[in-house]
PDB file of N, CA and C in Angstrom:
ATOM      1  N   MET A   1     -44.666  50.186   6.340  1.00  0.00           N
ATOM      2  CA  MET A   1     -44.526  49.033   5.474  1.00  0.00           C
ATOM      3  C   MET A   1     -43.076  48.921   5.018  1.00  0.00           C
ATOM      4  N   GLY A   2     -42.570  47.696   4.865  1.00  0.00           N
ATOM      5  CA  GLY A   2     -41.183  47.486   4.476  1.00  0.00           C
ATOM      6  C   GLY A   2     -40.937  47.799   3.010  1.00  0.00           C
ATOM      7  N   LYS A   3     -39.659  47.906   2.688  1.00  0.00           N
ATOM      8  CA  LYS A   3     -39.286  48.208   1.306  1.00  0.00           C
ATOM      9  C   LYS A   3     -39.328  46.928   0.468  1.00  0.00           C
ATOM     10  N   VAL A   4     -39.572  47.094  -0.819  1.00  0.00           N
ATOM     11  CA  VAL A   4     -39.648  45.954  -1.738  1.00  0.00           C
ATOM     12  C   VAL A   4     -38.526  46.102  -2.758  1.00  0.00           C
ATOM     13  N   HIS A   5     -37.861  45.010  -3.088  1.00  0.00           N
ATOM     14  CA  HIS A   5     -36.812  45.054  -4.115  1.00  0.00           C
ATOM     15  C   HIS A   5     -37.468  45.064  -5.478  1.00  0.00           C
ATOM     16  N   GLY A   6     -37.362  46.159  -6.187  1.00  0.00           N
ATOM     17  CA  GLY A   6     -37.958  46.267  -7.517  1.00  0.00           C
ATOM     18  C   GLY A   6     -39.457  46.525  -7.429  1.00  0.00           C
ATOM     19  N   SER A   7     -40.024  46.943  -8.552  1.00  0.00           N
ATOM     20  CA  SER A   7     -41.457  47.251  -8.532  1.00  0.00           C
ATOM     21  C   SER A   7     -42.271  45.976  -8.710  1.00  0.00           C
ATOM     22  N   LEU A   8     -43.478  45.991  -8.176  1.00  0.00           N
ATOM     23  CA  LEU A   8     -44.345  44.819  -8.282  1.00  0.00           C
ATOM     24  C   LEU A   8     -44.879  44.626  -9.697  1.00  0.00           C
ATOM     25  N   ALA A   9     -44.685  45.634 -10.555  1.00  0.00           N
ATOM     26  CA  ALA A   9     -45.133  45.515 -11.942  1.00  0.00           C
ATOM     27  C   ALA A   9     -44.327  44.445 -12.683  1.00  0.00           C
ATOM     28  N   ARG A  10     -43.089  44.204 -12.224  1.00  0.00           N
ATOM     29  CA  ARG A  10     -42.233  43.223 -12.908  1.00  0.00           C
ATOM     30  C   ARG A  10     -42.327  41.831 -12.289  1.00  0.00           C
ATOM     31  N   ALA A  11     -43.238  41.635 -11.360  1.00  0.00           N
ATOM     32  CA  ALA A  11     -43.336  40.346 -10.676  1.00  0.00           C
ATOM     33  C   ALA A  11     -43.709  39.251 -11.673  1.00  0.00           C
ATOM     34  N   GLY A  12     -42.974  38.150 -11.644  1.00  0.00           N
ATOM     35  CA  GLY A  12     -43.262  37.014 -12.524  1.00  0.00           C
ATOM     36  C   GLY A  12     -42.743  37.174 -13.935  1.00  0.00           C
ATOM     37  N   LYS A  13     -41.859  38.145 -14.165  1.00  0.00           N
ATOM     38  CA  LYS A  13     -41.351  38.422 -15.517  1.00  0.00           C
ATOM     39  C   LYS A  13     -40.607  37.229 -16.102  1.00  0.00           C
ATOM     40  N   VAL A  14     -39.660  36.678 -15.352  1.00  0.00           N
ATOM     41  CA  VAL A  14     -38.820  35.600 -15.871  1.00  0.00           C
ATOM     42  C   VAL A  14     -39.645  34.341 -16.104  1.00  0.00           C
ATOM     43  N   ARG A  15     -40.511  34.018 -15.153  1.00  0.00           N
ATOM     44  CA  ARG A  15     -41.325  32.810 -15.299  1.00  0.00           C
ATOM     45  C   ARG A  15     -42.248  32.920 -16.509  1.00  0.00           C
ATOM     46  N   GLY A  16     -42.746  34.126 -16.742  1.00  0.00           N
ATOM     47  CA  GLY A  16     -43.621  34.337 -17.893  1.00  0.00           C
ATOM     48  C   GLY A  16     -42.888  34.190 -19.213  1.00  0.00           C
ATOM     49  N   GLN A  17     -41.599  34.559 -19.241  1.00  0.00           N
ATOM     50  CA  GLN A  17     -40.815  34.488 -20.477  1.00  0.00           C
ATOM     51  C   GLN A  17     -40.312  33.081 -20.769  1.00  0.00           C
ATOM     52  N   THR A  18     -40.227  32.241 -19.735  1.00  0.00           N
ATOM     53  CA  THR A  18     -39.660  30.906 -19.905  1.00  0.00           C
ATOM     54  C   THR A  18     -40.596  30.039 -20.738  1.00  0.00           C
ATOM     55  N   PRO A  19     -40.054  29.375 -21.786  1.00  0.00           N
ATOM     56  CA  PRO A  19     -40.919  28.529 -22.606  1.00  0.00           C
ATOM     57  C   PRO A  19     -41.436  27.330 -21.822  1.00  0.00           C
ATOM     58  N   LYS A  20     -42.677  26.939 -22.096  1.00  0.00           N
ATOM     59  CA  LYS A  20     -43.294  25.813 -21.389  1.00  0.00           C
ATOM     60  C   LYS A  20     -42.747  24.518 -21.968  1.00  0.00           C
ATOM     61  N   VAL A  21     -42.255  23.656 -21.089  1.00  0.00           N
ATOM     62  CA  VAL A  21     -41.748  22.355 -21.510  1.00  0.00           C
ATOM     63  C   VAL A  21     -42.640  21.297 -20.878  1.00  0.00           C
ATOM     64  N   ALA A  22     -43.156  20.392 -21.693  1.00  0.00           N
ATOM     65  CA  ALA A  22     -44.064  19.357 -21.191  1.00  0.00           C
ATOM     66  C   ALA A  22     -43.313  18.399 -20.278  1.00  0.00           C
ATOM     67  N   LYS A  23     -44.007  17.901 -19.234  1.00  0.00           N
ATOM     68  CA  LYS A  23     -43.384  16.957 -18.309  1.00  0.00           C
ATOM     69  C   LYS A  23     -43.144  15.641 -19.024  1.00  0.00           C
ATOM     70  N   GLN A  24     -42.014  15.002 -18.685  1.00  0.00           N
ATOM     71  CA  GLN A  24     -41.678  13.725 -19.304  1.00  0.00           C
ATOM     72  C   GLN A  24     -42.144  12.586 -18.417  1.00  0.00           C
ATOM     73  N   ASP A  25     -42.516  11.487 -19.048  1.00  0.00           N
ATOM     74  CA  ASP A  25     -42.896  10.295 -18.288  1.00  0.00           C
ATOM     75  C   ASP A  25     -41.642   9.655 -17.724  1.00  0.00           C
ATOM     76  N   LYS A  26     -41.645   9.383 -16.426  1.00  0.00           N
ATOM     77  CA  LYS A  26     -40.483   8.775 -15.786  1.00  0.00           C
ATOM     78  C   LYS A  26     -40.885   7.442 -15.191  1.00  0.00           C
ATOM     79  N   LYS A  27     -39.883   6.570 -15.034  1.00  0.00           N
ATOM     80  CA  LYS A  27     -40.126   5.286 -14.403  1.00  0.00           C
ATOM     81  C   LYS A  27     -40.415   5.516 -12.931  1.00  0.00           C
ATOM     82  N   LYS A  28     -41.351   4.749 -12.363  1.00  0.00           N
ATOM     83  CA  LYS A  28     -41.664   4.959 -10.949  1.00  0.00           C
ATOM     84  C   LYS A  28     -40.516   4.459 -10.085  1.00  0.00           C
ATOM     85  N   LYS A  29     -40.224   5.210  -9.016  1.00  0.00           N
ATOM     86  CA  LYS A  29     -39.136   4.833  -8.116  1.00  0.00           C
ATOM     87  C   LYS A  29     -39.656   3.838  -7.092  1.00  0.00           C
ATOM     88  N   PRO A  30     -38.797   2.903  -6.667  1.00  0.00           N
ATOM     89  CA  PRO A  30     -39.239   1.954  -5.648  1.00  0.00           C
ATOM     90  C   PRO A  30     -39.548   2.664  -4.336  1.00  0.00           C
ATOM     91  N   ARG A  31     -40.525   2.128  -3.592  1.00  0.00           N
ATOM     92  CA  ARG A  31     -40.901   2.727  -2.317  1.00  0.00           C
ATOM     93  C   ARG A  31     -40.681   1.728  -1.187  1.00  0.00           C
ATOM     94  N   GLY A  32     -40.588   2.242   0.016  1.00  0.00           N
ATOM     95  CA  GLY A  32     -40.507   1.380   1.198  1.00  0.00           C
ATOM     96  C   GLY A  32     -39.264   0.516   1.239  1.00  0.00           C
ATOM     97  N   ARG A  33     -39.477  -0.793   1.435  1.00  0.00           N
ATOM     98  CA  ARG A  33     -38.375  -1.745   1.591  1.00  0.00           C
ATOM     99  C   ARG A  33     -37.484  -1.756   0.353  1.00  0.00           C
ATOM    100  N   ALA A  34     -38.089  -1.702  -0.818  1.00  0.00           N
ATOM    101  CA  ALA A  34     -37.328  -1.753  -2.064  1.00  0.00           C
ATOM    102  C   ALA A  34     -36.418  -0.532  -2.195  1.00  0.00           C
ATOM    103  N   HIS A  35     -36.908   0.623  -1.744  1.00  0.00           N
ATOM    104  CA  HIS A  35     -36.101   1.845  -1.803  1.00  0.00           C
ATOM    105  C   HIS A  35     -34.899   1.742  -0.860  1.00  0.00           C
ATOM    106  N   LYS A  36     -35.136   1.218   0.346  1.00  0.00           N
ATOM    107  CA  LYS A  36     -34.045   1.043   1.312  1.00  0.00           C
ATOM    108  C   LYS A  36     -32.994   0.095   0.742  1.00  0.00           C
ATOM    109  N   ARG A  37     -33.443  -0.959   0.073  1.00  0.00           N
ATOM    110  CA  ARG A  37     -32.522  -1.930  -0.524  1.00  0.00           C
ATOM    111  C   ARG A  37     -31.654  -1.261  -1.590  1.00  0.00           C
ATOM    112  N   MET A  38     -32.278  -0.423  -2.405  1.00  0.00           N
ATOM    113  CA  MET A  38     -31.562   0.294  -3.455  1.00  0.00           C
ATOM    114  C   MET A  38     -30.511   1.229  -2.842  1.00  0.00           C
ATOM    115  N   GLN A  39     -30.902   1.943  -1.774  1.00  0.00           N
ATOM    116  CA  GLN A  39     -29.971   2.849  -1.093  1.00  0.00           C
ATOM    117  C   GLN A  39     -28.780   2.087  -0.527  1.00  0.00           C
ATOM    118  N   TYR A  40     -29.053   0.955   0.115  1.00  0.00           N
ATOM    119  CA  TYR A  40     -27.995   0.134   0.711  1.00  0.00           C
ATOM    120  C   TYR A  40     -27.016  -0.313  -0.363  1.00  0.00           C
ATOM    121  N   ASN A  41     -27.557  -0.808  -1.465  1.00  0.00           N
ATOM    122  CA  ASN A  41     -26.696  -1.260  -2.559  1.00  0.00           C
ATOM    123  C   ASN A  41     -25.859  -0.117  -3.112  1.00  0.00           C
ATOM    124  N   ARG A  42     -26.457   1.048  -3.259  1.00  0.00           N
ATOM    125  CA  ARG A  42     -25.736   2.190  -3.806  1.00  0.00           C
ATOM    126  C   ARG A  42     -24.635   2.656  -2.848  1.00  0.00           C
ATOM    127  N   ARG A  43     -24.968   2.710  -1.549  1.00  0.00           N
ATOM    128  CA  ARG A  43     -24.035   3.285  -0.577  1.00  0.00           C
ATOM    129  C   ARG A  43     -22.940   2.336  -0.139  1.00  0.00           C
ATOM    130  N   PHE A  44     -23.266   1.055   0.041  1.00  0.00           N
ATOM    131  CA  PHE A  44     -22.304   0.147   0.655  1.00  0.00           C
ATOM    132  C   PHE A  44     -21.763  -0.907  -0.294  1.00  0.00           C
ATOM    133  N   VAL A  45     -22.594  -1.486  -1.124  1.00  0.00           N
ATOM    134  CA  VAL A  45     -22.153  -2.600  -1.960  1.00  0.00           C
ATOM    135  C   VAL A  45     -21.270  -2.100  -3.096  1.00  0.00           C
ATOM    136  N   THR A  46     -21.802  -1.227  -3.974  1.00  0.00           N
ATOM    137  CA  THR A  46     -21.012  -0.767  -5.115  1.00  0.00           C
ATOM    138  C   THR A  46     -19.887   0.159  -4.665  1.00  0.00           C
ATOM    139  N   ALA A  47     -20.153   1.021  -3.678  1.00  0.00           N
ATOM    140  CA  ALA A  47     -19.116   1.931  -3.187  1.00  0.00           C
ATOM    141  C   ALA A  47     -17.999   1.116  -2.535  1.00  0.00           C
ATOM    142  N   GLY A  48     -18.337   0.043  -1.849  1.00  0.00           N
ATOM    143  CA  GLY A  48     -17.339  -0.828  -1.221  1.00  0.00           C
ATOM    144  C   GLY A  48     -16.455  -1.483  -2.262  1.00  0.00           C
ATOM    145  N   ASN A  49     -17.051  -1.882  -3.392  1.00  0.00           N
ATOM    146  CA  ASN A  49     -16.271  -2.482  -4.479  1.00  0.00           C
ATOM    147  C   ASN A  49     -15.274  -1.479  -5.033  1.00  0.00           C
ATOM    148  N   LEU A  50     -15.713  -0.249  -5.211  1.00  0.00           N
ATOM    149  CA  LEU A  50     -14.828   0.785  -5.745  1.00  0.00           C
ATOM    150  C   LEU A  50     -13.688   1.071  -4.775  1.00  0.00           C
ATOM    151  N   LEU A  51     -14.010   1.119  -3.482  1.00  0.00           N
ATOM    152  CA  LEU A  51     -13.002   1.402  -2.465  1.00  0.00           C
ATOM    153  C   LEU A  51     -11.955   0.297  -2.420  1.00  0.00           C
ATOM    154  N   SER A  52     -12.405  -0.958  -2.480  1.00  0.00           N
ATOM    155  CA  SER A  52     -11.455  -2.075  -2.430  1.00  0.00           C
ATOM    156  C   SER A  52     -10.572  -2.076  -3.675  1.00  0.00           C
ATOM    157  N   LEU A  53     -11.134  -1.726  -4.829  1.00  0.00           N
ATOM    158  CA  LEU A  53     -10.338  -1.647  -6.058  1.00  0.00           C
ATOM    159  C   LEU A  53      -9.283  -0.554  -5.933  1.00  0.00           C
ATOM    160  N   LEU A  54      -9.670   0.558  -5.329  1.00  0.00           N
ATOM    161  CA  LEU A  54      -8.746   1.673  -5.143  1.00  0.00           C
ATOM    162  C   LEU A  54      -7.595   1.267  -4.219  1.00  0.00           C
ATOM    163  N   LEU A  55      -7.929   0.591  -3.124  1.00  0.00           N
ATOM    164  CA  LEU A  55      -6.909   0.176  -2.159  1.00  0.00           C
ATOM    165  C   LEU A  55      -5.960  -0.857  -2.761  1.00  0.00           C
ATOM    166  N   VAL A  56      -6.481  -1.764  -3.581  1.00  0.00           N
ATOM    167  CA  VAL A  56      -5.648  -2.792  -4.217  1.00  0.00           C
ATOM    168  C   VAL A  56      -4.686  -2.140  -5.205  1.00  0.00           C
ATOM    169  N   SER A  57      -5.179  -1.173  -5.967  1.00  0.00           N
ATOM    170  CA  SER A  57      -4.329  -0.535  -6.972  1.00  0.00           C
ATOM    171  C   SER A  57      -3.232   0.318  -6.328  1.00  0.00           C
ATOM    172  N   MET A  58      -3.460   0.820  -5.110  1.00  0.00           N
ATOM    173  CA  MET A  58      -2.462   1.647  -4.434  1.00  0.00           C
ATOM    174  C   MET A  58      -1.324   0.807  -3.859  1.00  0.00           C
ATOM    175  N   SER A  59      -1.606  -0.442  -3.475  1.00  0.00           N
ATOM    176  CA  SER A  59      -0.569  -1.256  -2.842  1.00  0.00           C
ATOM    177  C   SER A  59       0.239  -2.052  -3.849  1.00  0.00           C
TER     178      SER A  59
END
């Protein structure tokens, strides 16, 4: 049998000590076509605006 790092008596020690935090309600994320649209806007539309502003300020 292979060697184990540390004794199995301490298994789950950190998780057991961590205080329980209740899950927070989050807004639902768009799915399908709406998600793709959001990605496109994030990657190309707003990023493109920032890039053009950067290029204008450099010249």
